[in-house]
Amino acid sequence: MALRDQPYLPLYVQDFLTDERLIECSAAATGVYIRLMCIMHKSDEYGVIRLKKKDSITGDVVNDFAGKLMRQMPYNVLTIADALHELIDEGVLVLDGERLYQRRMVRDARLS
């Protein structure tokens, strides 16, 4: 069974609590990150979210991701955009063109 078909997210608590990159992030960014991991867990490509043409509105990829995610999170677009910038700058998330992903989740998907 694929990881995304499981009703739970494999969260490695010790890794999460001691992640040097995540420790540098604010509480708001950490909250967005937890929600984002849940969304990435359910995405078609495990650990990855892609922008679609309809999501590209502002011309700024991070703001476009924030607009897309705002529909799925209880945060405003500015909070999400600031958190994404922080998470990307600290290396917690990777932005590759119109693809946003979490390394560990992608690696775990390859192994499963």
PDB file of N, CA and C in Angstrom:
ATOM      1  N   MET A   1       0.850  -1.170   0.000  1.00  0.00           N
ATOM      2  CA  MET A   1       0.000   0.000   0.000  1.00  0.00           C
ATOM      3  C   MET A   1       0.898   1.237   0.000  1.00  0.00           C
ATOM      4  N   ALA A   2       0.584   2.197  -0.839  1.00  0.00           N
ATOM      5  CA  ALA A   2       1.348   3.436  -0.920  1.00  0.00           C
ATOM      6  C   ALA A   2       1.180   4.231   0.373  1.00  0.00           C
ATOM      7  N   LEU A   3       2.179   5.016   0.696  1.00  0.00           N
ATOM      8  CA  LEU A   3       2.124   5.820   1.911  1.00  0.00           C
ATOM      9  C   LEU A   3       0.910   6.738   1.946  1.00  0.00           C
ATOM     10  N   ARG A   4       0.566   7.321   0.807  1.00  0.00           N
ATOM     11  CA  ARG A   4      -0.545   8.280   0.795  1.00  0.00           C
ATOM     12  C   ARG A   4      -1.898   7.615   1.019  1.00  0.00           C
ATOM     13  N   ASP A   5      -1.974   6.298   0.868  1.00  0.00           N
ATOM     14  CA  ASP A   5      -3.226   5.584   1.090  1.00  0.00           C
ATOM     15  C   ASP A   5      -3.435   5.227   2.554  1.00  0.00           C
ATOM     16  N   GLN A   6      -2.438   5.459   3.382  1.00  0.00           N
ATOM     17  CA  GLN A   6      -2.555   5.155   4.800  1.00  0.00           C
ATOM     18  C   GLN A   6      -3.283   6.293   5.515  1.00  0.00           C
ATOM     19  N   PRO A   7      -4.064   5.976   6.538  1.00  0.00           N
ATOM     20  CA  PRO A   7      -4.833   7.018   7.228  1.00  0.00           C
ATOM     21  C   PRO A   7      -3.998   7.830   8.217  1.00  0.00           C
ATOM     22  N   TYR A   8      -2.710   7.588   8.267  1.00  0.00           N
ATOM     23  CA  TYR A   8      -1.847   8.316   9.202  1.00  0.00           C
ATOM     24  C   TYR A   8      -0.595   8.803   8.479  1.00  0.00           C
ATOM     25  N   LEU A   9       0.010   9.803   9.055  1.00  0.00           N
ATOM     26  CA  LEU A   9       1.244  10.377   8.533  1.00  0.00           C
ATOM     27  C   LEU A   9       2.406   9.823   9.350  1.00  0.00           C
ATOM     28  N   PRO A  10       3.377   9.155   8.720  1.00  0.00           N
ATOM     29  CA  PRO A  10       4.522   8.669   9.497  1.00  0.00           C
ATOM     30  C   PRO A  10       5.380   9.855   9.942  1.00  0.00           C
ATOM     31  N   LEU A  11       5.191  10.277  11.179  1.00  0.00           N
ATOM     32  CA  LEU A  11       5.943  11.398  11.737  1.00  0.00           C
ATOM     33  C   LEU A  11       6.990  10.840  12.694  1.00  0.00           C
ATOM     34  N   TYR A  12       8.233  11.078  12.367  1.00  0.00           N
ATOM     35  CA  TYR A  12       9.332  10.637  13.224  1.00  0.00           C
ATOM     36  C   TYR A  12       9.547  11.726  14.263  1.00  0.00           C
ATOM     37  N   VAL A  13       8.984  11.513  15.435  1.00  0.00           N
ATOM     38  CA  VAL A  13       8.911  12.545  16.468  1.00  0.00           C
ATOM     39  C   VAL A  13      10.307  13.077  16.833  1.00  0.00           C
ATOM     40  N   GLN A  14      11.249  12.214  17.074  1.00  0.00           N
ATOM     41  CA  GLN A  14      12.588  12.661  17.445  1.00  0.00           C
ATOM     42  C   GLN A  14      13.217  13.502  16.327  1.00  0.00           C
ATOM     43  N   ASP A  15      13.048  13.062  15.090  1.00  0.00           N
ATOM     44  CA  ASP A  15      13.575  13.832  13.958  1.00  0.00           C
ATOM     45  C   ASP A  15      12.899  15.199  13.873  1.00  0.00           C
ATOM     46  N   PHE A  16      11.597  15.227  14.090  1.00  0.00           N
ATOM     47  CA  PHE A  16      10.847  16.483  14.029  1.00  0.00           C
ATOM     48  C   PHE A  16      11.315  17.444  15.124  1.00  0.00           C
ATOM     49  N   LEU A  17      11.454  16.935  16.339  1.00  0.00           N
ATOM     50  CA  LEU A  17      11.820  17.788  17.473  1.00  0.00           C
ATOM     51  C   LEU A  17      13.264  18.271  17.422  1.00  0.00           C
ATOM     52  N   THR A  18      14.118  17.532  16.731  1.00  0.00           N
ATOM     53  CA  THR A  18      15.539  17.897  16.706  1.00  0.00           C
ATOM     54  C   THR A  18      16.008  18.407  15.343  1.00  0.00           C
ATOM     55  N   ASP A  19      15.101  18.619  14.421  1.00  0.00           N
ATOM     56  CA  ASP A  19      15.465  19.113  13.094  1.00  0.00           C
ATOM     57  C   ASP A  19      16.056  20.521  13.230  1.00  0.00           C
ATOM     58  N   GLU A  20      17.356  20.651  12.979  1.00  0.00           N
ATOM     59  CA  GLU A  20      18.045  21.937  13.148  1.00  0.00           C
ATOM     60  C   GLU A  20      17.478  23.014  12.240  1.00  0.00           C
ATOM     61  N   ARG A  21      16.997  22.626  11.087  1.00  0.00           N
ATOM     62  CA  ARG A  21      16.419  23.611  10.162  1.00  0.00           C
ATOM     63  C   ARG A  21      15.077  24.114  10.673  1.00  0.00           C
ATOM     64  N   LEU A  22      14.255  23.193  11.143  1.00  0.00           N
ATOM     65  CA  LEU A  22      12.927  23.558  11.626  1.00  0.00           C
ATOM     66  C   LEU A  22      13.001  24.344  12.928  1.00  0.00           C
ATOM     67  N   ILE A  23      13.988  24.051  13.755  1.00  0.00           N
ATOM     68  CA  ILE A  23      14.151  24.772  15.021  1.00  0.00           C
ATOM     69  C   ILE A  23      14.339  26.270  14.784  1.00  0.00           C
ATOM     70  N   GLU A  24      14.915  26.623  13.649  1.00  0.00           N
ATOM     71  CA  GLU A  24      15.153  28.030  13.310  1.00  0.00           C
ATOM     72  C   GLU A  24      13.887  28.745  12.849  1.00  0.00           C
ATOM     73  N   CYS A  25      12.819  28.003  12.648  1.00  0.00           N
ATOM     74  CA  CYS A  25      11.574  28.588  12.133  1.00  0.00           C
ATOM     75  C   CYS A  25      10.649  29.024  13.269  1.00  0.00           C
ATOM     76  N   SER A  26       9.793  29.969  12.953  1.00  0.00           N
ATOM     77  CA  SER A  26       8.829  30.498  13.921  1.00  0.00           C
ATOM     78  C   SER A  26       7.724  29.485  14.216  1.00  0.00           C
ATOM     79  N   ALA A  27       6.955  29.786  15.241  1.00  0.00           N
ATOM     80  CA  ALA A  27       5.817  28.942  15.594  1.00  0.00           C
ATOM     81  C   ALA A  27       4.794  28.919  14.457  1.00  0.00           C
ATOM     82  N   ALA A  28       4.581  30.062  13.822  1.00  0.00           N
ATOM     83  CA  ALA A  28       3.621  30.131  12.708  1.00  0.00           C
ATOM     84  C   ALA A  28       4.087  29.245  11.561  1.00  0.00           C
ATOM     85  N   ALA A  29       5.376  29.301  11.228  1.00  0.00           N
ATOM     86  CA  ALA A  29       5.902  28.473  10.139  1.00  0.00           C
ATOM     87  C   ALA A  29       5.796  26.992  10.485  1.00  0.00           C
ATOM     88  N   THR A  30       6.015  26.655  11.739  1.00  0.00           N
ATOM     89  CA  THR A  30       5.903  25.261  12.166  1.00  0.00           C
ATOM     90  C   THR A  30       4.456  24.777  12.046  1.00  0.00           C
ATOM     91  N   GLY A  31       3.501  25.615  12.398  1.00  0.00           N
ATOM     92  CA  GLY A  31       2.090  25.255  12.255  1.00  0.00           C
ATOM     93  C   GLY A  31       1.696  25.053  10.807  1.00  0.00           C
ATOM     94  N   VAL A  32       2.147  25.945   9.939  1.00  0.00           N
ATOM     95  CA  VAL A  32       1.879  25.797   8.507  1.00  0.00           C
ATOM     96  C   VAL A  32       2.534  24.516   8.000  1.00  0.00           C
ATOM     97  N   TYR A  33       3.737  24.239   8.468  1.00  0.00           N
ATOM     98  CA  TYR A  33       4.481  23.053   8.040  1.00  0.00           C
ATOM     99  C   TYR A  33       3.741  21.754   8.393  1.00  0.00           C
ATOM    100  N   ILE A  34       3.219  21.665   9.581  1.00  0.00           N
ATOM    101  CA  ILE A  34       2.471  20.464   9.999  1.00  0.00           C
ATOM    102  C   ILE A  34       1.258  20.268   9.080  1.00  0.00           C
ATOM    103  N   ARG A  35       0.501  21.331   8.856  1.00  0.00           N
ATOM    104  CA  ARG A  35      -0.654  21.238   7.963  1.00  0.00           C
ATOM    105  C   ARG A  35      -0.232  20.864   6.546  1.00  0.00           C
ATOM    106  N   LEU A  36       0.868  21.452   6.100  1.00  0.00           N
ATOM    107  CA  LEU A  36       1.370  21.189   4.758  1.00  0.00           C
ATOM    108  C   LEU A  36       1.785  19.729   4.601  1.00  0.00           C
ATOM    109  N   MET A  37       2.405  19.159   5.626  1.00  0.00           N
ATOM    110  CA  MET A  37       2.778  17.737   5.554  1.00  0.00           C
ATOM    111  C   MET A  37       1.534  16.861   5.421  1.00  0.00           C
ATOM    112  N   CYS A  38       0.463  17.235   6.084  1.00  0.00           N
ATOM    113  CA  CYS A  38      -0.789  16.470   5.953  1.00  0.00           C
ATOM    114  C   CYS A  38      -1.323  16.562   4.527  1.00  0.00           C
ATOM    115  N   ILE A  39      -1.266  17.742   3.940  1.00  0.00           N
ATOM    116  CA  ILE A  39      -1.723  17.922   2.557  1.00  0.00           C
ATOM    117  C   ILE A  39      -0.821  17.129   1.611  1.00  0.00           C
ATOM    118  N   MET A  40       0.486  17.201   1.832  1.00  0.00           N
ATOM    119  CA  MET A  40       1.436  16.465   0.990  1.00  0.00           C
ATOM    120  C   MET A  40       1.267  14.951   1.127  1.00  0.00           C
ATOM    121  N   HIS A  41       0.825  14.512   2.289  1.00  0.00           N
ATOM    122  CA  HIS A  41       0.581  13.091   2.525  1.00  0.00           C
ATOM    123  C   HIS A  41      -0.550  12.580   1.631  1.00  0.00           C
ATOM    124  N   LYS A  42      -1.520  13.438   1.357  1.00  0.00           N
ATOM    125  CA  LYS A  42      -2.678  13.055   0.546  1.00  0.00           C
ATOM    126  C   LYS A  42      -2.522  13.404  -0.935  1.00  0.00           C
ATOM    127  N   SER A  43      -1.432  14.051  -1.307  1.00  0.00           N
ATOM    128  CA  SER A  43      -1.274  14.479  -2.698  1.00  0.00           C
ATOM    129  C   SER A  43      -0.984  13.297  -3.613  1.00  0.00           C
ATOM    130  N   ASP A  44      -1.242  13.482  -4.890  1.00  0.00           N
ATOM    131  CA  ASP A  44      -1.022  12.422  -5.878  1.00  0.00           C
ATOM    132  C   ASP A  44       0.435  11.963  -5.899  1.00  0.00           C
ATOM    133  N   GLU A  45       1.345  12.909  -5.830  1.00  0.00           N
ATOM    134  CA  GLU A  45       2.765  12.597  -5.754  1.00  0.00           C
ATOM    135  C   GLU A  45       3.177  12.824  -4.304  1.00  0.00           C
ATOM    136  N   TYR A  46       3.426  11.746  -3.582  1.00  0.00           N
ATOM    137  CA  TYR A  46       3.643  11.816  -2.137  1.00  0.00           C
ATOM    138  C   TYR A  46       4.756  12.795  -1.768  1.00  0.00           C
ATOM    139  N   GLY A  47       4.428  13.726  -0.883  1.00  0.00           N
ATOM    140  CA  GLY A  47       5.414  14.683  -0.401  1.00  0.00           C
ATOM    141  C   GLY A  47       5.606  15.890  -1.297  1.00  0.00           C
ATOM    142  N   VAL A  48       4.782  16.007  -2.331  1.00  0.00           N
ATOM    143  CA  VAL A  48       4.957  17.063  -3.332  1.00  0.00           C
ATOM    144  C   VAL A  48       3.629  17.769  -3.588  1.00  0.00           C
ATOM    145  N   ILE A  49       3.715  19.081  -3.764  1.00  0.00           N
ATOM    146  CA  ILE A  49       2.575  19.860  -4.235  1.00  0.00           C
ATOM    147  C   ILE A  49       3.043  20.612  -5.469  1.00  0.00           C
ATOM    148  N   ARG A  50       2.223  20.586  -6.495  1.00  0.00           N
ATOM    149  CA  ARG A  50       2.550  21.283  -7.746  1.00  0.00           C
ATOM    150  C   ARG A  50       1.532  22.390  -7.999  1.00  0.00           C
ATOM    151  N   LEU A  51       2.025  23.469  -8.563  1.00  0.00           N
ATOM    152  CA  LEU A  51       1.121  24.526  -9.007  1.00  0.00           C
ATOM    153  C   LEU A  51       0.544  24.141 -10.361  1.00  0.00           C
ATOM    154  N   LYS A  52      -0.724  24.362 -10.512  1.00  0.00           N
ATOM    155  CA  LYS A  52      -1.364  24.178 -11.809  1.00  0.00           C
ATOM    156  C   LYS A  52      -1.474  25.552 -12.470  1.00  0.00           C
ATOM    157  N   LYS A  53      -1.769  25.557 -13.744  1.00  0.00           N
ATOM    158  CA  LYS A  53      -1.891  26.838 -14.453  1.00  0.00           C
ATOM    159  C   LYS A  53      -2.895  27.752 -13.778  1.00  0.00           C
ATOM    160  N   LYS A  54      -4.007  27.187 -13.309  1.00  0.00           N
ATOM    161  CA  LYS A  54      -5.045  28.015 -12.681  1.00  0.00           C
ATOM    162  C   LYS A  54      -4.582  28.622 -11.356  1.00  0.00           C
ATOM    163  N   ASP A  55      -3.531  28.044 -10.752  1.00  0.00           N
ATOM    164  CA  ASP A  55      -3.007  28.554  -9.485  1.00  0.00           C
ATOM    165  C   ASP A  55      -2.010  29.696  -9.684  1.00  0.00           C
ATOM    166  N   SER A  56      -1.475  29.826 -10.881  1.00  0.00           N
ATOM    167  CA  SER A  56      -0.479  30.859 -11.168  1.00  0.00           C
ATOM    168  C   SER A  56      -1.181  32.175 -11.454  1.00  0.00           C
ATOM    169  N   ILE A  57      -1.306  32.983 -10.417  1.00  0.00           N
ATOM    170  CA  ILE A  57      -2.074  34.220 -10.512  1.00  0.00           C
ATOM    171  C   ILE A  57      -1.176  35.453 -10.381  1.00  0.00           C
ATOM    172  N   THR A  58      -0.280  35.436  -9.397  1.00  0.00           N
ATOM    173  CA  THR A  58       0.493  36.640  -9.069  1.00  0.00           C
ATOM    174  C   THR A  58       1.807  36.746  -9.820  1.00  0.00           C
ATOM    175  N   GLY A  59       2.294  35.642 -10.357  1.00  0.00           N
ATOM    176  CA  GLY A  59       3.604  35.660 -10.992  1.00  0.00           C
ATOM    177  C   GLY A  59       4.725  35.363 -10.019  1.00  0.00           C
ATOM    178  N   ASP A  60       4.421  35.316  -8.730  1.00  0.00           N
ATOM    179  CA  ASP A  60       5.389  34.942  -7.691  1.00  0.00           C
ATOM    180  C   ASP A  60       5.004  33.547  -7.202  1.00  0.00           C
ATOM    181  N   VAL A  61       5.886  32.599  -7.391  1.00  0.00           N
ATOM    182  CA  VAL A  61       5.556  31.190  -7.121  1.00  0.00           C
ATOM    183  C   VAL A  61       5.150  30.963  -5.664  1.00  0.00           C
ATOM    184  N   VAL A  62       5.876  31.553  -4.719  1.00  0.00           N
ATOM    185  CA  VAL A  62       5.547  31.355  -3.305  1.00  0.00           C
ATOM    186  C   VAL A  62       4.176  31.932  -2.990  1.00  0.00           C
ATOM    187  N   ASN A  63       3.880  33.113  -3.491  1.00  0.00           N
ATOM    188  CA  ASN A  63       2.555  33.694  -3.256  1.00  0.00           C
ATOM    189  C   ASN A  63       1.460  32.879  -3.926  1.00  0.00           C
ATOM    190  N   ASP A  64       1.764  32.319  -5.081  1.00  0.00           N
ATOM    191  CA  ASP A  64       0.781  31.456  -5.747  1.00  0.00           C
ATOM    192  C   ASP A  64       0.535  30.184  -4.933  1.00  0.00           C
ATOM    193  N   PHE A  65       1.592  29.595  -4.376  1.00  0.00           N
ATOM    194  CA  PHE A  65       1.409  28.438  -3.493  1.00  0.00           C
ATOM    195  C   PHE A  65       0.585  28.837  -2.270  1.00  0.00           C
ATOM    196  N   ALA A  66       0.864  30.012  -1.705  1.00  0.00           N
ATOM    197  CA  ALA A  66       0.117  30.471  -0.531  1.00  0.00           C
ATOM    198  C   ALA A  66      -1.368  30.612  -0.864  1.00  0.00           C
ATOM    199  N   GLY A  67      -1.669  31.165  -2.034  1.00  0.00           N
ATOM    200  CA  GLY A  67      -3.068  31.291  -2.447  1.00  0.00           C
ATOM    201  C   GLY A  67      -3.743  29.946  -2.610  1.00  0.00           C
ATOM    202  N   LYS A  68      -3.011  29.002  -3.189  1.00  0.00           N
ATOM    203  CA  LYS A  68      -3.547  27.644  -3.368  1.00  0.00           C
ATOM    204  C   LYS A  68      -3.788  26.982  -2.005  1.00  0.00           C
ATOM    205  N   LEU A  69      -2.820  27.099  -1.107  1.00  0.00           N
ATOM    206  CA  LEU A  69      -2.907  26.436   0.197  1.00  0.00           C
ATOM    207  C   LEU A  69      -3.909  27.100   1.135  1.00  0.00           C
ATOM    208  N   MET A  70      -4.174  28.369   0.931  1.00  0.00           N
ATOM    209  CA  MET A  70      -5.108  29.090   1.793  1.00  0.00           C
ATOM    210  C   MET A  70      -6.485  28.432   1.791  1.00  0.00           C
ATOM    211  N   ARG A  71      -6.840  27.805   0.673  1.00  0.00           N
ATOM    212  CA  ARG A  71      -8.138  27.135   0.590  1.00  0.00           C
ATOM    213  C   ARG A  71      -8.181  25.859   1.432  1.00  0.00           C
ATOM    214  N   GLN A  72      -6.996  25.387   1.857  1.00  0.00           N
ATOM    215  CA  GLN A  72      -6.926  24.124   2.595  1.00  0.00           C
ATOM    216  C   GLN A  72      -6.411  24.286   4.021  1.00  0.00           C
ATOM    217  N   MET A  73      -6.119  25.519   4.419  1.00  0.00           N
ATOM    218  CA  MET A  73      -5.556  25.782   5.743  1.00  0.00           C
ATOM    219  C   MET A  73      -6.329  26.885   6.455  1.00  0.00           C
ATOM    220  N   PRO A  74      -6.302  26.878   7.787  1.00  0.00           N
ATOM    221  CA  PRO A  74      -7.014  27.925   8.533  1.00  0.00           C
ATOM    222  C   PRO A  74      -6.159  29.171   8.768  1.00  0.00           C
ATOM    223  N   TYR A  75      -5.320  29.523   7.789  1.00  0.00           N
ATOM    224  CA  TYR A  75      -4.444  30.685   7.902  1.00  0.00           C
ATOM    225  C   TYR A  75      -4.707  31.616   6.724  1.00  0.00           C
ATOM    226  N   ASN A  76      -4.381  32.892   6.906  1.00  0.00           N
ATOM    227  CA  ASN A  76      -4.538  33.829   5.790  1.00  0.00           C
ATOM    228  C   ASN A  76      -3.345  33.696   4.848  1.00  0.00           C
ATOM    229  N   VAL A  77      -3.484  34.265   3.676  1.00  0.00           N
ATOM    230  CA  VAL A  77      -2.480  34.100   2.625  1.00  0.00           C
ATOM    231  C   VAL A  77      -1.127  34.687   3.033  1.00  0.00           C
ATOM    232  N   LEU A  78      -1.122  35.788   3.775  1.00  0.00           N
ATOM    233  CA  LEU A  78       0.135  36.399   4.207  1.00  0.00           C
ATOM    234  C   LEU A  78       0.878  35.495   5.192  1.00  0.00           C
ATOM    235  N   THR A  79       0.166  34.914   6.129  1.00  0.00           N
ATOM    236  CA  THR A  79       0.788  33.995   7.093  1.00  0.00           C
ATOM    237  C   THR A  79       1.403  32.805   6.374  1.00  0.00           C
ATOM    238  N   ILE A  80       0.682  32.249   5.417  1.00  0.00           N
ATOM    239  CA  ILE A  80       1.178  31.094   4.673  1.00  0.00           C
ATOM    240  C   ILE A  80       2.387  31.485   3.825  1.00  0.00           C
ATOM    241  N   ALA A  81       2.313  32.614   3.135  1.00  0.00           N
ATOM    242  CA  ALA A  81       3.430  33.057   2.293  1.00  0.00           C
ATOM    243  C   ALA A  81       4.682  33.304   3.133  1.00  0.00           C
ATOM    244  N   ASP A  82       4.524  33.991   4.268  1.00  0.00           N
ATOM    245  CA  ASP A  82       5.672  34.233   5.149  1.00  0.00           C
ATOM    246  C   ASP A  82       6.260  32.925   5.651  1.00  0.00           C
ATOM    247  N   ALA A  83       5.386  31.984   6.029  1.00  0.00           N
ATOM    248  CA  ALA A  83       5.848  30.682   6.515  1.00  0.00           C
ATOM    249  C   ALA A  83       6.580  29.913   5.420  1.00  0.00           C
ATOM    250  N   LEU A  84       6.045  29.928   4.209  1.00  0.00           N
ATOM    251  CA  LEU A  84       6.703  29.232   3.096  1.00  0.00           C
ATOM    252  C   LEU A  84       8.079  29.815   2.820  1.00  0.00           C
ATOM    253  N   HIS A  85       8.179  31.141   2.813  1.00  0.00           N
ATOM    254  CA  HIS A  85       9.487  31.773   2.618  1.00  0.00           C
ATOM    255  C   HIS A  85      10.472  31.306   3.692  1.00  0.00           C
ATOM    256  N   GLU A  86      10.013  31.290   4.921  1.00  0.00           N
ATOM    257  CA  GLU A  86      10.851  30.880   6.045  1.00  0.00           C
ATOM    258  C   GLU A  86      11.270  29.410   5.922  1.00  0.00           C
ATOM    259  N   LEU A  87      10.317  28.545   5.623  1.00  0.00           N
ATOM    260  CA  LEU A  87      10.597  27.112   5.508  1.00  0.00           C
ATOM    261  C   LEU A  87      11.528  26.813   4.330  1.00  0.00           C
ATOM    262  N   ILE A  88      11.365  27.532   3.247  1.00  0.00           N
ATOM    263  CA  ILE A  88      12.237  27.348   2.082  1.00  0.00           C
ATOM    264  C   ILE A  88      13.628  27.898   2.378  1.00  0.00           C
ATOM    265  N   ASP A  89      13.689  29.092   2.970  1.00  0.00           N
ATOM    266  CA  ASP A  89      14.984  29.707   3.297  1.00  0.00           C
ATOM    267  C   ASP A  89      15.794  28.857   4.262  1.00  0.00           C
ATOM    268  N   GLU A  90      15.122  28.197   5.189  1.00  0.00           N
ATOM    269  CA  GLU A  90      15.813  27.352   6.175  1.00  0.00           C
ATOM    270  C   GLU A  90      16.107  25.952   5.633  1.00  0.00           C
ATOM    271  N   GLY A  91      15.596  25.620   4.458  1.00  0.00           N
ATOM    272  CA  GLY A  91      15.859  24.311   3.864  1.00  0.00           C
ATOM    273  C   GLY A  91      14.956  23.201   4.360  1.00  0.00           C
ATOM    274  N   VAL A  92      13.873  23.573   5.031  1.00  0.00           N
ATOM    275  CA  VAL A  92      12.909  22.570   5.503  1.00  0.00           C
ATOM    276  C   VAL A  92      12.112  22.041   4.313  1.00  0.00           C
ATOM    277  N   LEU A  93      11.750  22.945   3.407  1.00  0.00           N
ATOM    278  CA  LEU A  93      11.051  22.602   2.170  1.00  0.00           C
ATOM    279  C   LEU A  93      11.926  22.997   0.990  1.00  0.00           C
ATOM    280  N   VAL A  94      11.675  22.370  -0.135  1.00  0.00           N
ATOM    281  CA  VAL A  94      12.404  22.687  -1.349  1.00  0.00           C
ATOM    282  C   VAL A  94      11.410  23.192  -2.393  1.00  0.00           C
ATOM    283  N   LEU A  95      11.755  24.320  -3.003  1.00  0.00           N
ATOM    284  CA  LEU A  95      10.970  24.862  -4.097  1.00  0.00           C
ATOM    285  C   LEU A  95      11.782  24.658  -5.368  1.00  0.00           C
ATOM    286  N   ASP A  96      11.219  23.879  -6.280  1.00  0.00           N
ATOM    287  CA  ASP A  96      11.888  23.567  -7.545  1.00  0.00           C
ATOM    288  C   ASP A  96      10.918  23.922  -8.672  1.00  0.00           C
ATOM    289  N   GLY A  97      11.035  25.133  -9.171  1.00  0.00           N
ATOM    290  CA  GLY A  97      10.099  25.597 -10.194  1.00  0.00           C
ATOM    291  C   GLY A  97       8.707  25.730  -9.611  1.00  0.00           C
ATOM    292  N   GLU A  98       7.774  24.983 -10.168  1.00  0.00           N
ATOM    293  CA  GLU A  98       6.394  25.001  -9.674  1.00  0.00           C
ATOM    294  C   GLU A  98       6.098  23.754  -8.858  1.00  0.00           C
ATOM    295  N   ARG A  99       7.116  23.247  -8.228  1.00  0.00           N
ATOM    296  CA  ARG A  99       7.030  22.035  -7.404  1.00  0.00           C
ATOM    297  C   ARG A  99       7.584  22.347  -6.017  1.00  0.00           C
ATOM    298  N   LEU A 100       6.773  22.121  -4.981  1.00  0.00           N
ATOM    299  CA  LEU A 100       7.171  22.316  -3.598  1.00  0.00           C
ATOM    300  C   LEU A 100       7.180  20.943  -2.948  1.00  0.00           C
ATOM    301  N   TYR A 101       8.288  20.586  -2.293  1.00  0.00           N
ATOM    302  CA  TYR A 101       8.330  19.254  -1.697  1.00  0.00           C
ATOM    303  C   TYR A 101       9.142  19.210  -0.419  1.00  0.00           C
ATOM    304  N   GLN A 102       8.929  18.119   0.315  1.00  0.00           N
ATOM    305  CA  GLN A 102       9.642  17.835   1.552  1.00  0.00           C
ATOM    306  C   GLN A 102      10.520  16.615   1.271  1.00  0.00           C
ATOM    307  N   ARG A 103      11.827  16.770   1.430  1.00  0.00           N
ATOM    308  CA  ARG A 103      12.790  15.730   1.041  1.00  0.00           C
ATOM    309  C   ARG A 103      12.511  14.361   1.662  1.00  0.00           C
ATOM    310  N   ARG A 104      12.286  14.330   2.951  1.00  0.00           N
ATOM    311  CA  ARG A 104      12.101  13.050   3.643  1.00  0.00           C
ATOM    312  C   ARG A 104      10.867  12.322   3.132  1.00  0.00           C
ATOM    313  N   MET A 105       9.799  13.061   2.915  1.00  0.00           N
ATOM    314  CA  MET A 105       8.574  12.423   2.421  1.00  0.00           C
ATOM    315  C   MET A 105       8.800  11.829   1.032  1.00  0.00           C
ATOM    316  N   VAL A 106       9.491  12.550   0.179  1.00  0.00           N
ATOM    317  CA  VAL A 106       9.771  12.053  -1.167  1.00  0.00           C
ATOM    318  C   VAL A 106      10.667  10.825  -1.084  1.00  0.00           C
ATOM    319  N   ARG A 107      11.678  10.869  -0.235  1.00  0.00           N
ATOM    320  CA  ARG A 107      12.579   9.720  -0.056  1.00  0.00           C
ATOM    321  C   ARG A 107      11.815   8.508   0.493  1.00  0.00           C
ATOM    322  N   ASP A 108      10.954   8.720   1.469  1.00  0.00           N
ATOM    323  CA  ASP A 108      10.157   7.620   2.037  1.00  0.00           C
ATOM    324  C   ASP A 108       9.241   7.012   0.986  1.00  0.00           C
ATOM    325  N   ALA A 109       8.700   7.853   0.100  1.00  0.00           N
ATOM    326  CA  ALA A 109       7.811   7.349  -0.951  1.00  0.00           C
ATOM    327  C   ALA A 109       8.588   6.442  -1.915  1.00  0.00           C
ATOM    328  N   ARG A 110       9.811   6.808  -2.215  1.00  0.00           N
ATOM    329  CA  ARG A 110      10.635   5.970  -3.098  1.00  0.00           C
ATOM    330  C   ARG A 110      10.920   4.617  -2.460  1.00  0.00           C
ATOM    331  N   LEU A 111      11.102   4.602  -1.141  1.00  0.00           N
ATOM    332  CA  LEU A 111      11.430   3.364  -0.438  1.00  0.00           C
ATOM    333  C   LEU A 111      10.228   2.439  -0.252  1.00  0.00           C
ATOM    334  N   SER A 112       9.030   3.016  -0.241  1.00  0.00           N
ATOM    335  CA  SER A 112       7.856   2.187   0.046  1.00  0.00           C
ATOM    336  C   SER A 112       7.379   1.400  -1.149  1.00  0.00           C
TER     337      SER A 112
END
